[in-house]
Amino acid sequence: GKSLLAGLLAKYLKFLGKSVEHFSLDDFYKTYEERMELLKNHSYLQYRGPPGTHDVQWLLHTFE
């Protein structure tokens, strides 16, 4: 629902002539291999979603 709404809003704003960048937080997960390393200390970090499973540095670099 949230991603769909964001996508529709981006399309509408582009239709109005606005400059829009649209991406999802899902695009910034750590790799499977990185999550397997995290798994050694925290069993819940194997899966995508919990805090700590996003690549924050990659996200910040993208914003720059």
PDB file of N, CA and C in Angstrom:
ATOM      1  N   GLY A   1       0.799  -1.196   0.000  1.00  0.00           N
ATOM      2  CA  GLY A   1       0.000   0.000   0.000  1.00  0.00           C
ATOM      3  C   GLY A   1       0.843   1.263   0.000  1.00  0.00           C
ATOM      4  N   LYS A   2       1.866   1.310   0.873  1.00  0.00           N
ATOM      5  CA  LYS A   2       2.685   2.535   0.973  1.00  0.00           C
ATOM      6  C   LYS A   2       3.481   2.762  -0.310  1.00  0.00           C
ATOM      7  N   SER A   3       4.062   1.699  -0.837  1.00  0.00           N
ATOM      8  CA  SER A   3       4.860   1.841  -2.062  1.00  0.00           C
ATOM      9  C   SER A   3       3.977   2.195  -3.247  1.00  0.00           C
ATOM     10  N   LEU A   4       2.809   1.591  -3.302  1.00  0.00           N
ATOM     11  CA  LEU A   4       1.873   1.901  -4.380  1.00  0.00           C
ATOM     12  C   LEU A   4       1.461   3.366  -4.312  1.00  0.00           C
ATOM     13  N   LEU A   5       1.117   3.844  -3.136  1.00  0.00           N
ATOM     14  CA  LEU A   5       0.718   5.233  -2.973  1.00  0.00           C
ATOM     15  C   LEU A   5       1.856   6.182  -3.350  1.00  0.00           C
ATOM     16  N   ALA A   6       3.069   5.872  -2.918  1.00  0.00           N
ATOM     17  CA  ALA A   6       4.222   6.716  -3.249  1.00  0.00           C
ATOM     18  C   ALA A   6       4.448   6.746  -4.754  1.00  0.00           C
ATOM     19  N   GLY A   7       4.309   5.599  -5.402  1.00  0.00           N
ATOM     20  CA  GLY A   7       4.480   5.534  -6.852  1.00  0.00           C
ATOM     21  C   GLY A   7       3.433   6.345  -7.593  1.00  0.00           C
ATOM     22  N   LEU A   8       2.203   6.243  -7.149  1.00  0.00           N
ATOM     23  CA  LEU A   8       1.121   7.021  -7.780  1.00  0.00           C
ATOM     24  C   LEU A   8       1.327   8.515  -7.567  1.00  0.00           C
ATOM     25  N   LEU A   9       1.753   8.887  -6.376  1.00  0.00           N
ATOM     26  CA  LEU A   9       2.015  10.295  -6.089  1.00  0.00           C
ATOM     27  C   LEU A   9       3.155  10.822  -6.960  1.00  0.00           C
ATOM     28  N   ALA A  10       4.205  10.027  -7.128  1.00  0.00           N
ATOM     29  CA  ALA A  10       5.322  10.429  -7.978  1.00  0.00           C
ATOM     30  C   ALA A  10       4.854  10.644  -9.418  1.00  0.00           C
ATOM     31  N   LYS A  11       4.036   9.728  -9.929  1.00  0.00           N
ATOM     32  CA  LYS A  11       3.523   9.871 -11.299  1.00  0.00           C
ATOM     33  C   LYS A  11       2.664  11.124 -11.437  1.00  0.00           C
ATOM     34  N   TYR A  12       1.838  11.394 -10.447  1.00  0.00           N
ATOM     35  CA  TYR A  12       0.973  12.567 -10.485  1.00  0.00           C
ATOM     36  C   TYR A  12       1.807  13.850 -10.457  1.00  0.00           C
ATOM     37  N   LEU A  13       2.805  13.889  -9.583  1.00  0.00           N
ATOM     38  CA  LEU A  13       3.647  15.080  -9.508  1.00  0.00           C
ATOM     39  C   LEU A  13       4.431  15.301 -10.794  1.00  0.00           C
ATOM     40  N   LYS A  14       4.899  14.206 -11.414  1.00  0.00           N
ATOM     41  CA  LYS A  14       5.578  14.335 -12.705  1.00  0.00           C
ATOM     42  C   LYS A  14       4.611  14.861 -13.762  1.00  0.00           C
ATOM     43  N   PHE A  15       3.362  14.385 -13.727  1.00  0.00           N
ATOM     44  CA  PHE A  15       2.331  14.870 -14.636  1.00  0.00           C
ATOM     45  C   PHE A  15       2.142  16.375 -14.488  1.00  0.00           C
ATOM     46  N   LEU A  16       2.276  16.871 -13.258  1.00  0.00           N
ATOM     47  CA  LEU A  16       2.142  18.308 -12.991  1.00  0.00           C
ATOM     48  C   LEU A  16       3.422  19.076 -13.318  1.00  0.00           C
ATOM     49  N   GLY A  17       4.439  18.380 -13.827  1.00  0.00           N
ATOM     50  CA  GLY A  17       5.669  19.042 -14.225  1.00  0.00           C
ATOM     51  C   GLY A  17       6.701  19.165 -13.116  1.00  0.00           C
ATOM     52  N   LYS A  18       6.481  18.457 -12.030  1.00  0.00           N
ATOM     53  CA  LYS A  18       7.422  18.504 -10.903  1.00  0.00           C
ATOM     54  C   LYS A  18       8.537  17.489 -11.114  1.00  0.00           C
ATOM     55  N   SER A  19       9.701  17.787 -10.549  1.00  0.00           N
ATOM     56  CA  SER A  19      10.824  16.854 -10.574  1.00  0.00           C
ATOM     57  C   SER A  19      10.714  15.929  -9.369  1.00  0.00           C
ATOM     58  N   VAL A  20      10.707  14.633  -9.624  1.00  0.00           N
ATOM     59  CA  VAL A  20      10.466  13.666  -8.559  1.00  0.00           C
ATOM     60  C   VAL A  20      11.452  12.506  -8.663  1.00  0.00           C
ATOM     61  N   GLU A  21      11.991  12.104  -7.533  1.00  0.00           N
ATOM     62  CA  GLU A  21      12.774  10.869  -7.443  1.00  0.00           C
ATOM     63  C   GLU A  21      11.986   9.924  -6.546  1.00  0.00           C
ATOM     64  N   HIS A  22      11.861   8.692  -6.966  1.00  0.00           N
ATOM     65  CA  HIS A  22      11.067   7.716  -6.224  1.00  0.00           C
ATOM     66  C   HIS A  22      11.889   6.456  -6.031  1.00  0.00           C
ATOM     67  N   PHE A  23      12.043   6.039  -4.802  1.00  0.00           N
ATOM     68  CA  PHE A  23      12.736   4.790  -4.512  1.00  0.00           C
ATOM     69  C   PHE A  23      12.134   4.201  -3.257  1.00  0.00           C
ATOM     70  N   SER A  24      12.510   2.976  -2.970  1.00  0.00           N
ATOM     71  CA  SER A  24      11.970   2.264  -1.822  1.00  0.00           C
ATOM     72  C   SER A  24      13.086   1.936  -0.840  1.00  0.00           C
ATOM     73  N   LEU A  25      12.763   1.938   0.429  1.00  0.00           N
ATOM     74  CA  LEU A  25      13.719   1.518   1.437  1.00  0.00           C
ATOM     75  C   LEU A  25      14.144   0.073   1.194  1.00  0.00           C
ATOM     76  N   ASP A  26      13.288  -0.700   0.529  1.00  0.00           N
ATOM     77  CA  ASP A  26      13.614  -2.081   0.183  1.00  0.00           C
ATOM     78  C   ASP A  26      14.829  -2.162  -0.744  1.00  0.00           C
ATOM     79  N   ASP A  27      15.147  -1.058  -1.420  1.00  0.00           N
ATOM     80  CA  ASP A  27      16.288  -1.034  -2.328  1.00  0.00           C
ATOM     81  C   ASP A  27      17.620  -0.962  -1.587  1.00  0.00           C
ATOM     82  N   PHE A  28      17.579  -0.784  -0.275  1.00  0.00           N
ATOM     83  CA  PHE A  28      18.798  -0.529   0.487  1.00  0.00           C
ATOM     84  C   PHE A  28      19.072  -1.565   1.575  1.00  0.00           C
ATOM     85  N   TYR A  29      18.656  -2.786   1.343  1.00  0.00           N
ATOM     86  CA  TYR A  29      18.983  -3.857   2.287  1.00  0.00           C
ATOM     87  C   TYR A  29      20.427  -4.285   2.113  1.00  0.00           C
ATOM     88  N   LYS A  30      21.034  -4.719   3.195  1.00  0.00           N
ATOM     89  CA  LYS A  30      22.356  -5.331   3.105  1.00  0.00           C
ATOM     90  C   LYS A  30      22.225  -6.601   2.274  1.00  0.00           C
ATOM     91  N   THR A  31      23.331  -7.039   1.712  1.00  0.00           N
ATOM     92  CA  THR A  31      23.304  -8.252   0.896  1.00  0.00           C
ATOM     93  C   THR A  31      23.054  -9.473   1.781  1.00  0.00           C
ATOM     94  N   TYR A  32      22.706 -10.558   1.144  1.00  0.00           N
ATOM     95  CA  TYR A  32      22.488 -11.811   1.867  1.00  0.00           C
ATOM     96  C   TYR A  32      23.752 -12.194   2.635  1.00  0.00           C
ATOM     97  N   GLU A  33      24.895 -12.061   1.996  1.00  0.00           N
ATOM     98  CA  GLU A  33      26.160 -12.407   2.637  1.00  0.00           C
ATOM     99  C   GLU A  33      26.405 -11.543   3.877  1.00  0.00           C
ATOM    100  N   GLU A  34      26.119 -10.240   3.763  1.00  0.00           N
ATOM    101  CA  GLU A  34      26.293  -9.346   4.918  1.00  0.00           C
ATOM    102  C   GLU A  34      25.344  -9.725   6.051  1.00  0.00           C
ATOM    103  N   ARG A  35      24.114 -10.117   5.699  1.00  0.00           N
ATOM    104  CA  ARG A  35      23.162 -10.522   6.737  1.00  0.00           C
ATOM    105  C   ARG A  35      23.582 -11.826   7.394  1.00  0.00           C
ATOM    106  N   MET A  36      24.230 -12.706   6.643  1.00  0.00           N
ATOM    107  CA  MET A  36      24.721 -13.952   7.232  1.00  0.00           C
ATOM    108  C   MET A  36      25.832 -13.661   8.244  1.00  0.00           C
ATOM    109  N   GLU A  37      26.639 -12.633   7.993  1.00  0.00           N
ATOM    110  CA  GLU A  37      27.654 -12.222   8.968  1.00  0.00           C
ATOM    111  C   GLU A  37      26.978 -11.694  10.234  1.00  0.00           C
ATOM    112  N   LEU A  38      25.925 -10.891  10.065  1.00  0.00           N
ATOM    113  CA  LEU A  38      25.190 -10.359  11.212  1.00  0.00           C
ATOM    114  C   LEU A  38      24.544 -11.479  12.019  1.00  0.00           C
ATOM    115  N   LEU A  39      24.157 -12.537  11.312  1.00  0.00           N
ATOM    116  CA  LEU A  39      23.480 -13.671  11.941  1.00  0.00           C
ATOM    117  C   LEU A  39      24.344 -14.316  13.020  1.00  0.00           C
ATOM    118  N   LYS A  40      25.647 -14.191  12.900  1.00  0.00           N
ATOM    119  CA  LYS A  40      26.545 -14.789  13.885  1.00  0.00           C
ATOM    120  C   LYS A  40      26.323 -14.209  15.280  1.00  0.00           C
ATOM    121  N   ASN A  41      25.863 -12.959  15.358  1.00  0.00           N
ATOM    122  CA  ASN A  41      25.631 -12.300  16.642  1.00  0.00           C
ATOM    123  C   ASN A  41      24.155 -12.129  16.991  1.00  0.00           C
ATOM    124  N   HIS A  42      23.303 -12.055  15.967  1.00  0.00           N
ATOM    125  CA  HIS A  42      21.881 -11.797  16.201  1.00  0.00           C
ATOM    126  C   HIS A  42      21.056 -12.638  15.233  1.00  0.00           C
ATOM    127  N   SER A  43      20.358 -13.636  15.728  1.00  0.00           N
ATOM    128  CA  SER A  43      19.635 -14.572  14.861  1.00  0.00           C
ATOM    129  C   SER A  43      18.528 -13.909  14.048  1.00  0.00           C
ATOM    130  N   TYR A  44      17.932 -12.833  14.533  1.00  0.00           N
ATOM    131  CA  TYR A  44      16.831 -12.205  13.801  1.00  0.00           C
ATOM    132  C   TYR A  44      17.310 -11.367  12.619  1.00  0.00           C
ATOM    133  N   LEU A  45      18.621 -11.143  12.489  1.00  0.00           N
ATOM    134  CA  LEU A  45      19.131 -10.317  11.393  1.00  0.00           C
ATOM    135  C   LEU A  45      19.353 -11.092  10.104  1.00  0.00           C
ATOM    136  N   GLN A  46      18.990 -12.349  10.090  1.00  0.00           N
ATOM    137  CA  GLN A  46      19.090 -13.144   8.864  1.00  0.00           C
ATOM    138  C   GLN A  46      18.116 -12.629   7.810  1.00  0.00           C
ATOM    139  N   TYR A  47      16.979 -12.157   8.263  1.00  0.00           N
ATOM    140  CA  TYR A  47      15.907 -11.771   7.350  1.00  0.00           C
ATOM    141  C   TYR A  47      15.910 -10.272   7.109  1.00  0.00           C
ATOM    142  N   ARG A  48      15.352  -9.871   5.976  1.00  0.00           N
ATOM    143  CA  ARG A  48      15.250  -8.454   5.666  1.00  0.00           C
ATOM    144  C   ARG A  48      14.147  -7.835   6.514  1.00  0.00           C
ATOM    145  N   GLY A  49      14.387  -6.617   6.963  1.00  0.00           N
ATOM    146  CA  GLY A  49      13.345  -5.895   7.681  1.00  0.00           C
ATOM    147  C   GLY A  49      13.729  -5.387   9.040  1.00  0.00           C
ATOM    148  N   PRO A  50      14.319  -6.225   9.905  1.00  0.00           N
ATOM    149  CA  PRO A  50      14.643  -5.723  11.242  1.00  0.00           C
ATOM    150  C   PRO A  50      15.676  -4.599  11.188  1.00  0.00           C
ATOM    151  N   PRO A  51      15.666  -3.723  12.178  1.00  0.00           N
ATOM    152  CA  PRO A  51      16.701  -2.689  12.250  1.00  0.00           C
ATOM    153  C   PRO A  51      18.075  -3.334  12.187  1.00  0.00           C
ATOM    154  N   GLY A  52      18.953  -2.743  11.410  1.00  0.00           N
ATOM    155  CA  GLY A  52      20.293  -3.276  11.255  1.00  0.00           C
ATOM    156  C   GLY A  52      20.500  -4.016   9.944  1.00  0.00           C
ATOM    157  N   THR A  53      19.418  -4.273   9.206  1.00  0.00           N
ATOM    158  CA  THR A  53      19.537  -5.017   7.955  1.00  0.00           C
ATOM    159  C   THR A  53      19.583  -4.099   6.733  1.00  0.00           C
ATOM    160  N   HIS A  54      19.495  -2.790   6.950  1.00  0.00           N
ATOM    161  CA  HIS A  54      19.608  -1.838   5.843  1.00  0.00           C
ATOM    162  C   HIS A  54      21.031  -1.316   5.761  1.00  0.00           C
ATOM    163  N   ASP A  55      21.469  -1.046   4.553  1.00  0.00           N
ATOM    164  CA  ASP A  55      22.795  -0.478   4.321  1.00  0.00           C
ATOM    165  C   ASP A  55      22.652   1.044   4.362  1.00  0.00           C
ATOM    166  N   VAL A  56      22.790   1.608   5.541  1.00  0.00           N
ATOM    167  CA  VAL A  56      22.566   3.041   5.757  1.00  0.00           C
ATOM    168  C   VAL A  56      23.587   3.878   4.988  1.00  0.00           C
ATOM    169  N   GLN A  57      24.832   3.432   4.926  1.00  0.00           N
ATOM    170  CA  GLN A  57      25.853   4.187   4.197  1.00  0.00           C
ATOM    171  C   GLN A  57      25.506   4.286   2.708  1.00  0.00           C
ATOM    172  N   TRP A  58      25.011   3.208   2.144  1.00  0.00           N
ATOM    173  CA  TRP A  58      24.598   3.202   0.736  1.00  0.00           C
ATOM    174  C   TRP A  58      23.435   4.173   0.538  1.00  0.00           C
ATOM    175  N   LEU A  59      22.487   4.159   1.462  1.00  0.00           N
ATOM    176  CA  LEU A  59      21.350   5.064   1.399  1.00  0.00           C
ATOM    177  C   LEU A  59      21.814   6.520   1.435  1.00  0.00           C
ATOM    178  N   LEU A  60      22.698   6.849   2.385  1.00  0.00           N
ATOM    179  CA  LEU A  60      23.200   8.226   2.499  1.00  0.00           C
ATOM    180  C   LEU A  60      23.981   8.633   1.260  1.00  0.00           C
ATOM    181  N   HIS A  61      24.775   7.719   0.732  1.00  0.00           N
ATOM    182  CA  HIS A  61      25.531   8.000  -0.476  1.00  0.00           C
ATOM    183  C   HIS A  61      24.583   8.312  -1.642  1.00  0.00           C
ATOM    184  N   THR A  62      23.491   7.586  -1.722  1.00  0.00           N
ATOM    185  CA  THR A  62      22.506   7.816  -2.785  1.00  0.00           C
ATOM    186  C   THR A  62      21.888   9.203  -2.658  1.00  0.00           C
ATOM    187  N   PHE A  63      21.605   9.639  -1.444  1.00  0.00           N
ATOM    188  CA  PHE A  63      21.039  10.975  -1.241  1.00  0.00           C
ATOM    189  C   PHE A  63      22.021  12.072  -1.614  1.00  0.00           C
ATOM    190  N   GLU A  64      23.303  11.820  -1.395  1.00  0.00           N
ATOM    191  CA  GLU A  64      24.316  12.816  -1.753  1.00  0.00           C
ATOM    192  C   GLU A  64      24.349  13.006  -3.243  1.00  0.00           C
TER     193      GLU A  64
END
